[in-house]
Amino acid sequence: QELIRRFDIPGLVGFNLEDLENFGNPALLHALETCDVVVIDQLGTLEVSSDKFRRVVDLVLASNKVCLATVTSSNVPYIEDIRKRPDVALYSINRSNRMLLPEQIAEHIHDLVWQRERQQEAEAGEAGA
């Protein structure tokens, strides 16, 4: 199934919230268990209209995992709250920086993962002492 449904009318696209919850939520939970970096492609108005999806996103954001997400530029209260978090770095994409951003973001993520690994090692050392 697709998260975006295409209709017979050209240009008309619908959003299937049930598919988001049935496939997106388990995918995020799996990533949370198995990955160092969780990627969420598109936190938009439609996606965050799901309470179930928002709860899973909240779990990801509350975890010790690095999360990379694209977010809408619209003023959606839930997304505004995410933008205001002290542990969030925002990158605005435009024509002049879009070629440079992937490398900058990759370096930032690498640094965050490295820092978290060192922190986990230190905590494991303290627990063993």
N, C-alpha and C. Protein backbone atom coordinates (compact mmCIF):
# COMPACT_ATOMS: atom_id res chain seq x y z
N GLN A 1 0.84 -1.18 0.00
CA GLN A 1 0.00 0.00 0.00
C GLN A 1 0.88 1.24 0.00
N GLU A 2 0.33 2.31 -0.45
CA GLU A 2 1.06 3.56 -0.51
C GLU A 2 0.51 4.53 0.52
N LEU A 3 1.40 5.36 1.07
CA LEU A 3 0.94 6.39 2.00
C LEU A 3 0.20 7.49 1.26
N ILE A 4 0.57 7.68 0.02
CA ILE A 4 -0.12 8.70 -0.79
C ILE A 4 -0.94 7.95 -1.84
N ARG A 5 -2.19 8.24 -1.89
CA ARG A 5 -3.09 7.61 -2.85
C ARG A 5 -3.26 8.53 -4.05
N ARG A 6 -3.12 8.00 -5.20
CA ARG A 6 -3.33 8.77 -6.42
C ARG A 6 -4.73 8.47 -6.94
N PHE A 7 -5.45 9.49 -7.27
CA PHE A 7 -6.81 9.35 -7.74
C PHE A 7 -6.85 9.49 -9.25
N ASP A 8 -8.00 9.17 -9.83
CA ASP A 8 -8.16 9.25 -11.27
C ASP A 8 -8.16 10.68 -11.78
N ILE A 9 -8.40 11.63 -10.92
CA ILE A 9 -8.42 13.03 -11.32
C ILE A 9 -6.98 13.55 -11.29
N PRO A 10 -6.44 13.99 -12.42
CA PRO A 10 -5.04 14.44 -12.46
C PRO A 10 -4.77 15.52 -11.42
N GLY A 11 -3.66 15.36 -10.69
CA GLY A 11 -3.24 16.36 -9.72
C GLY A 11 -3.89 16.22 -8.35
N LEU A 12 -4.89 15.34 -8.21
CA LEU A 12 -5.55 15.18 -6.92
C LEU A 12 -4.86 14.05 -6.16
N VAL A 13 -4.31 14.38 -5.02
CA VAL A 13 -3.59 13.41 -4.22
C VAL A 13 -4.24 13.35 -2.84
N GLY A 14 -4.44 12.16 -2.34
CA GLY A 14 -5.00 11.99 -1.00
C GLY A 14 -3.97 11.40 -0.07
N PHE A 15 -4.19 11.51 1.20
CA PHE A 15 -3.25 11.02 2.20
C PHE A 15 -3.94 9.94 3.01
N ASN A 16 -3.31 8.79 3.13
CA ASN A 16 -3.90 7.67 3.84
C ASN A 16 -3.31 7.60 5.25
N LEU A 17 -4.02 8.15 6.21
CA LEU A 17 -3.56 8.21 7.59
C LEU A 17 -3.42 6.81 8.20
N GLU A 18 -4.31 5.92 7.83
CA GLU A 18 -4.26 4.55 8.36
C GLU A 18 -2.96 3.86 7.94
N ASP A 19 -2.54 4.05 6.69
CA ASP A 19 -1.28 3.46 6.24
C ASP A 19 -0.09 4.06 6.99
N LEU A 20 -0.14 5.35 7.24
CA LEU A 20 0.93 5.98 8.01
C LEU A 20 1.05 5.31 9.37
N GLU A 21 -0.06 5.12 10.04
CA GLU A 21 -0.05 4.52 11.37
C GLU A 21 0.33 3.04 11.32
N ASN A 22 -0.14 2.32 10.30
CA ASN A 22 0.11 0.88 10.22
C ASN A 22 1.51 0.53 9.73
N PHE A 23 2.12 1.41 8.94
CA PHE A 23 3.45 1.12 8.41
C PHE A 23 4.51 2.08 8.94
N GLY A 24 4.16 3.35 9.06
CA GLY A 24 5.13 4.33 9.54
C GLY A 24 5.49 4.14 10.99
N ASN A 25 4.49 3.92 11.83
CA ASN A 25 4.76 3.74 13.26
C ASN A 25 5.68 2.54 13.53
N PRO A 26 5.37 1.35 12.99
CA PRO A 26 6.27 0.23 13.22
C PRO A 26 7.67 0.47 12.65
N ALA A 27 7.75 1.15 11.51
CA ALA A 27 9.07 1.44 10.93
C ALA A 27 9.89 2.33 11.86
N LEU A 28 9.26 3.35 12.44
CA LEU A 28 9.98 4.23 13.37
C LEU A 28 10.37 3.47 14.64
N LEU A 29 9.48 2.63 15.15
CA LEU A 29 9.80 1.86 16.36
C LEU A 29 10.94 0.88 16.08
N HIS A 30 10.93 0.27 14.92
CA HIS A 30 12.03 -0.63 14.55
C HIS A 30 13.36 0.13 14.46
N ALA A 31 13.32 1.30 13.81
CA ALA A 31 14.52 2.13 13.71
C ALA A 31 15.01 2.54 15.09
N LEU A 32 14.09 2.83 15.98
CA LEU A 32 14.45 3.24 17.33
C LEU A 32 15.20 2.12 18.05
N GLU A 33 14.83 0.88 17.78
CA GLU A 33 15.47 -0.27 18.42
C GLU A 33 16.79 -0.66 17.78
N THR A 34 16.95 -0.38 16.48
CA THR A 34 18.07 -0.97 15.75
C THR A 34 19.07 0.02 15.15
N CYS A 35 18.77 1.29 15.14
CA CYS A 35 19.61 2.26 14.43
C CYS A 35 20.18 3.32 15.36
N ASP A 36 21.32 3.86 14.98
CA ASP A 36 21.90 4.99 15.72
C ASP A 36 21.23 6.30 15.33
N VAL A 37 20.74 6.36 14.09
CA VAL A 37 20.10 7.57 13.58
C VAL A 37 18.72 7.18 13.05
N VAL A 38 17.70 7.90 13.49
CA VAL A 38 16.34 7.68 13.02
C VAL A 38 15.99 8.82 12.07
N VAL A 39 15.55 8.46 10.87
CA VAL A 39 15.22 9.46 9.86
C VAL A 39 13.70 9.49 9.67
N ILE A 40 13.14 10.67 9.76
CA ILE A 40 11.71 10.86 9.50
C ILE A 40 11.60 11.83 8.34
N ASP A 41 11.14 11.30 7.22
CA ASP A 41 11.01 12.14 6.03
C ASP A 41 9.60 12.70 5.99
N GLN A 42 9.50 13.88 6.46
CA GLN A 42 8.31 14.71 6.40
C GLN A 42 7.44 14.61 7.64
N LEU A 43 7.63 15.57 8.48
CA LEU A 43 6.67 15.86 9.54
C LEU A 43 5.89 17.06 9.04
N GLY A 44 4.74 16.78 8.49
CA GLY A 44 3.91 17.83 7.93
C GLY A 44 2.57 17.88 8.62
N THR A 45 1.74 18.76 8.15
CA THR A 45 0.42 18.96 8.73
C THR A 45 -0.38 17.67 8.75
N LEU A 46 -0.37 16.94 7.65
CA LEU A 46 -1.15 15.70 7.58
C LEU A 46 -0.58 14.63 8.49
N GLU A 47 0.73 14.47 8.50
CA GLU A 47 1.35 13.43 9.33
C GLU A 47 1.08 13.65 10.81
N VAL A 48 1.20 14.87 11.26
CA VAL A 48 1.03 15.12 12.70
C VAL A 48 -0.44 15.26 13.09
N SER A 49 -1.35 15.07 12.14
CA SER A 49 -2.77 15.04 12.50
C SER A 49 -3.12 13.71 13.17
N SER A 50 -2.21 12.77 13.12
CA SER A 50 -2.42 11.47 13.76
C SER A 50 -1.85 11.49 15.18
N ASP A 51 -2.70 11.28 16.17
CA ASP A 51 -2.24 11.20 17.56
C ASP A 51 -1.29 10.02 17.74
N LYS A 52 -1.59 8.89 17.10
CA LYS A 52 -0.74 7.70 17.22
C LYS A 52 0.65 7.98 16.65
N PHE A 53 0.72 8.63 15.50
CA PHE A 53 2.01 8.93 14.89
C PHE A 53 2.79 9.92 15.76
N ARG A 54 2.10 10.93 16.27
CA ARG A 54 2.77 11.91 17.14
C ARG A 54 3.36 11.24 18.37
N ARG A 55 2.65 10.27 18.94
CA ARG A 55 3.17 9.57 20.13
C ARG A 55 4.47 8.82 19.80
N VAL A 56 4.53 8.22 18.61
CA VAL A 56 5.75 7.52 18.22
C VAL A 56 6.87 8.51 17.96
N VAL A 57 6.56 9.62 17.31
CA VAL A 57 7.58 10.67 17.10
C VAL A 57 8.09 11.16 18.45
N ASP A 58 7.19 11.33 19.40
CA ASP A 58 7.61 11.76 20.75
C ASP A 58 8.56 10.76 21.38
N LEU A 59 8.32 9.46 21.18
CA LEU A 59 9.23 8.43 21.70
C LEU A 59 10.61 8.57 21.06
N VAL A 60 10.63 8.81 19.76
CA VAL A 60 11.91 8.99 19.06
C VAL A 60 12.64 10.20 19.62
N LEU A 61 11.93 11.31 19.77
CA LEU A 61 12.56 12.54 20.24
C LEU A 61 13.02 12.44 21.70
N ALA A 62 12.34 11.63 22.49
CA ALA A 62 12.71 11.46 23.90
C ALA A 62 13.84 10.45 24.08
N SER A 63 14.17 9.73 23.03
CA SER A 63 15.20 8.70 23.12
C SER A 63 16.59 9.33 23.08
N ASN A 64 17.60 8.48 23.23
CA ASN A 64 18.98 8.96 23.12
C ASN A 64 19.50 8.82 21.69
N LYS A 65 18.60 8.55 20.75
CA LYS A 65 19.00 8.40 19.34
C LYS A 65 19.06 9.77 18.66
N VAL A 66 19.90 9.85 17.66
CA VAL A 66 19.93 11.03 16.81
C VAL A 66 18.77 10.90 15.83
N CYS A 67 18.03 11.98 15.64
CA CYS A 67 16.90 11.98 14.72
C CYS A 67 17.11 13.07 13.68
N LEU A 68 16.98 12.68 12.43
CA LEU A 68 17.01 13.63 11.32
C LEU A 68 15.61 13.64 10.72
N ALA A 69 15.00 14.80 10.68
CA ALA A 69 13.63 14.89 10.16
C ALA A 69 13.48 16.11 9.27
N THR A 70 12.71 15.94 8.23
CA THR A 70 12.30 17.10 7.45
C THR A 70 10.96 17.54 8.02
N VAL A 71 10.80 18.84 8.17
CA VAL A 71 9.56 19.36 8.75
C VAL A 71 8.99 20.45 7.85
N THR A 72 7.70 20.58 7.92
CA THR A 72 7.03 21.60 7.14
C THR A 72 7.42 22.99 7.64
N SER A 73 7.37 23.94 6.76
CA SER A 73 7.63 25.32 7.18
C SER A 73 6.35 25.99 7.68
N SER A 74 5.23 25.27 7.58
CA SER A 74 3.96 25.81 8.07
C SER A 74 3.98 25.94 9.58
N ASN A 75 3.17 26.82 10.10
CA ASN A 75 3.09 27.03 11.55
C ASN A 75 2.09 26.06 12.15
N VAL A 76 2.56 24.86 12.43
CA VAL A 76 1.76 23.82 13.06
C VAL A 76 2.21 23.75 14.52
N PRO A 77 1.31 23.90 15.49
CA PRO A 77 1.72 23.96 16.90
C PRO A 77 2.62 22.81 17.34
N TYR A 78 2.32 21.58 16.98
CA TYR A 78 3.15 20.44 17.39
C TYR A 78 4.56 20.59 16.83
N ILE A 79 4.66 20.98 15.58
CA ILE A 79 5.98 21.13 14.95
C ILE A 79 6.71 22.35 15.51
N GLU A 80 5.98 23.40 15.82
CA GLU A 80 6.60 24.56 16.47
C GLU A 80 7.23 24.15 17.80
N ASP A 81 6.55 23.29 18.55
CA ASP A 81 7.11 22.79 19.81
C ASP A 81 8.41 22.03 19.58
N ILE A 82 8.44 21.24 18.51
CA ILE A 82 9.68 20.52 18.18
C ILE A 82 10.78 21.50 17.83
N ARG A 83 10.47 22.50 17.02
CA ARG A 83 11.47 23.49 16.63
C ARG A 83 12.08 24.20 17.83
N LYS A 84 11.30 24.40 18.89
CA LYS A 84 11.76 25.14 20.07
C LYS A 84 12.59 24.29 21.02
N ARG A 85 12.67 23.00 20.80
CA ARG A 85 13.43 22.13 21.70
C ARG A 85 14.91 22.53 21.70
N PRO A 86 15.55 22.52 22.88
CA PRO A 86 16.96 22.90 22.94
C PRO A 86 17.89 21.90 22.24
N ASP A 87 17.42 20.67 22.02
CA ASP A 87 18.25 19.66 21.38
C ASP A 87 18.01 19.55 19.88
N VAL A 88 17.38 20.57 19.30
CA VAL A 88 17.07 20.57 17.87
C VAL A 88 17.94 21.60 17.15
N ALA A 89 18.52 21.17 16.05
CA ALA A 89 19.25 22.07 15.16
C ALA A 89 18.41 22.22 13.90
N LEU A 90 18.12 23.42 13.51
CA LEU A 90 17.31 23.68 12.33
C LEU A 90 18.19 24.12 11.17
N TYR A 91 17.90 23.58 10.02
CA TYR A 91 18.57 23.98 8.78
C TYR A 91 17.49 24.39 7.80
N SER A 92 17.55 25.59 7.33
CA SER A 92 16.63 26.04 6.28
C SER A 92 17.30 25.79 4.94
N ILE A 93 16.57 25.20 4.04
CA ILE A 93 17.12 24.85 2.73
C ILE A 93 16.66 25.88 1.71
N ASN A 94 17.61 26.38 0.94
CA ASN A 94 17.29 27.30 -0.14
C ASN A 94 18.24 27.02 -1.31
N ARG A 95 18.05 27.73 -2.39
CA ARG A 95 18.86 27.48 -3.59
C ARG A 95 20.36 27.67 -3.33
N SER A 96 20.70 28.64 -2.51
CA SER A 96 22.13 28.94 -2.34
C SER A 96 22.84 27.95 -1.42
N ASN A 97 22.12 27.23 -0.57
CA ASN A 97 22.81 26.34 0.36
C ASN A 97 22.49 24.86 0.17
N ARG A 98 21.59 24.54 -0.71
CA ARG A 98 21.12 23.16 -0.80
C ARG A 98 22.19 22.16 -1.23
N MET A 99 23.23 22.61 -1.90
CA MET A 99 24.31 21.70 -2.28
C MET A 99 25.30 21.49 -1.14
N LEU A 100 25.40 22.44 -0.23
CA LEU A 100 26.33 22.35 0.88
C LEU A 100 25.74 21.66 2.11
N LEU A 101 24.44 21.75 2.26
CA LEU A 101 23.80 21.23 3.47
C LEU A 101 24.00 19.74 3.71
N PRO A 102 23.93 18.88 2.70
CA PRO A 102 24.10 17.45 3.02
C PRO A 102 25.40 17.15 3.76
N GLU A 103 26.49 17.76 3.34
CA GLU A 103 27.77 17.52 4.02
C GLU A 103 27.75 18.11 5.43
N GLN A 104 27.21 19.31 5.59
CA GLN A 104 27.14 19.92 6.92
C GLN A 104 26.28 19.09 7.87
N ILE A 105 25.15 18.63 7.38
CA ILE A 105 24.26 17.83 8.22
C ILE A 105 24.91 16.49 8.55
N ALA A 106 25.56 15.87 7.57
CA ALA A 106 26.24 14.59 7.81
C ALA A 106 27.33 14.75 8.87
N GLU A 107 28.08 15.83 8.82
CA GLU A 107 29.11 16.08 9.83
C GLU A 107 28.48 16.28 11.21
N HIS A 108 27.39 17.02 11.27
CA HIS A 108 26.69 17.24 12.53
C HIS A 108 26.20 15.92 13.11
N ILE A 109 25.59 15.10 12.28
CA ILE A 109 25.10 13.80 12.75
C ILE A 109 26.26 12.93 13.21
N HIS A 110 27.35 12.90 12.45
CA HIS A 110 28.52 12.12 12.85
C HIS A 110 29.02 12.56 14.22
N ASP A 111 29.10 13.87 14.44
CA ASP A 111 29.56 14.38 15.73
C ASP A 111 28.61 13.98 16.86
N LEU A 112 27.31 14.05 16.61
CA LEU A 112 26.32 13.67 17.63
C LEU A 112 26.42 12.19 17.97
N VAL A 113 26.53 11.35 16.95
CA VAL A 113 26.64 9.91 17.20
C VAL A 113 27.92 9.62 17.96
N TRP A 114 29.02 10.25 17.58
CA TRP A 114 30.29 10.05 18.27
C TRP A 114 30.17 10.45 19.74
N GLN A 115 29.57 11.62 20.00
CA GLN A 115 29.39 12.09 21.37
C GLN A 115 28.54 11.13 22.19
N ARG A 116 27.49 10.62 21.60
CA ARG A 116 26.60 9.69 22.32
C ARG A 116 27.32 8.37 22.61
N GLU A 117 28.13 7.91 21.67
CA GLU A 117 28.90 6.68 21.90
C GLU A 117 29.88 6.88 23.05
N ARG A 118 30.56 8.03 23.09
CA ARG A 118 31.50 8.29 24.19
C ARG A 118 30.75 8.37 25.52
N GLN A 119 29.57 8.99 25.51
CA GLN A 119 28.77 9.10 26.71
C GLN A 119 28.33 7.72 27.21
N GLN A 120 27.92 6.86 26.30
CA GLN A 120 27.51 5.51 26.67
C GLN A 120 28.69 4.71 27.22
N GLU A 121 29.85 4.87 26.62
CA GLU A 121 31.04 4.20 27.12
C GLU A 121 31.38 4.67 28.53
N ALA A 122 31.29 5.96 28.77
CA ALA A 122 31.57 6.52 30.10
C ALA A 122 30.57 5.99 31.12
N GLU A 123 29.30 5.95 30.74
CA GLU A 123 28.28 5.44 31.65
C GLU A 123 28.48 3.95 31.94
N ALA A 124 28.88 3.19 30.94
CA ALA A 124 29.15 1.77 31.14
C ALA A 124 30.36 1.57 32.04
N GLY A 125 31.36 2.43 31.90
CA GLY A 125 32.54 2.37 32.76
C GLY A 125 32.20 2.69 34.20
N GLU A 126 31.33 3.68 34.41
CA GLU A 126 30.91 4.03 35.76
C GLU A 126 30.09 2.91 36.40
N ALA A 127 29.26 2.27 35.60
CA ALA A 127 28.43 1.18 36.13
C ALA A 127 29.28 -0.03 36.50
N GLY A 128 30.38 -0.22 35.78
CA GLY A 128 31.27 -1.36 36.05
C GLY A 128 32.24 -1.09 37.20
N ALA A 129 32.35 0.16 37.62
CA ALA A 129 33.33 0.50 38.67
C ALA A 129 32.78 0.26 40.06
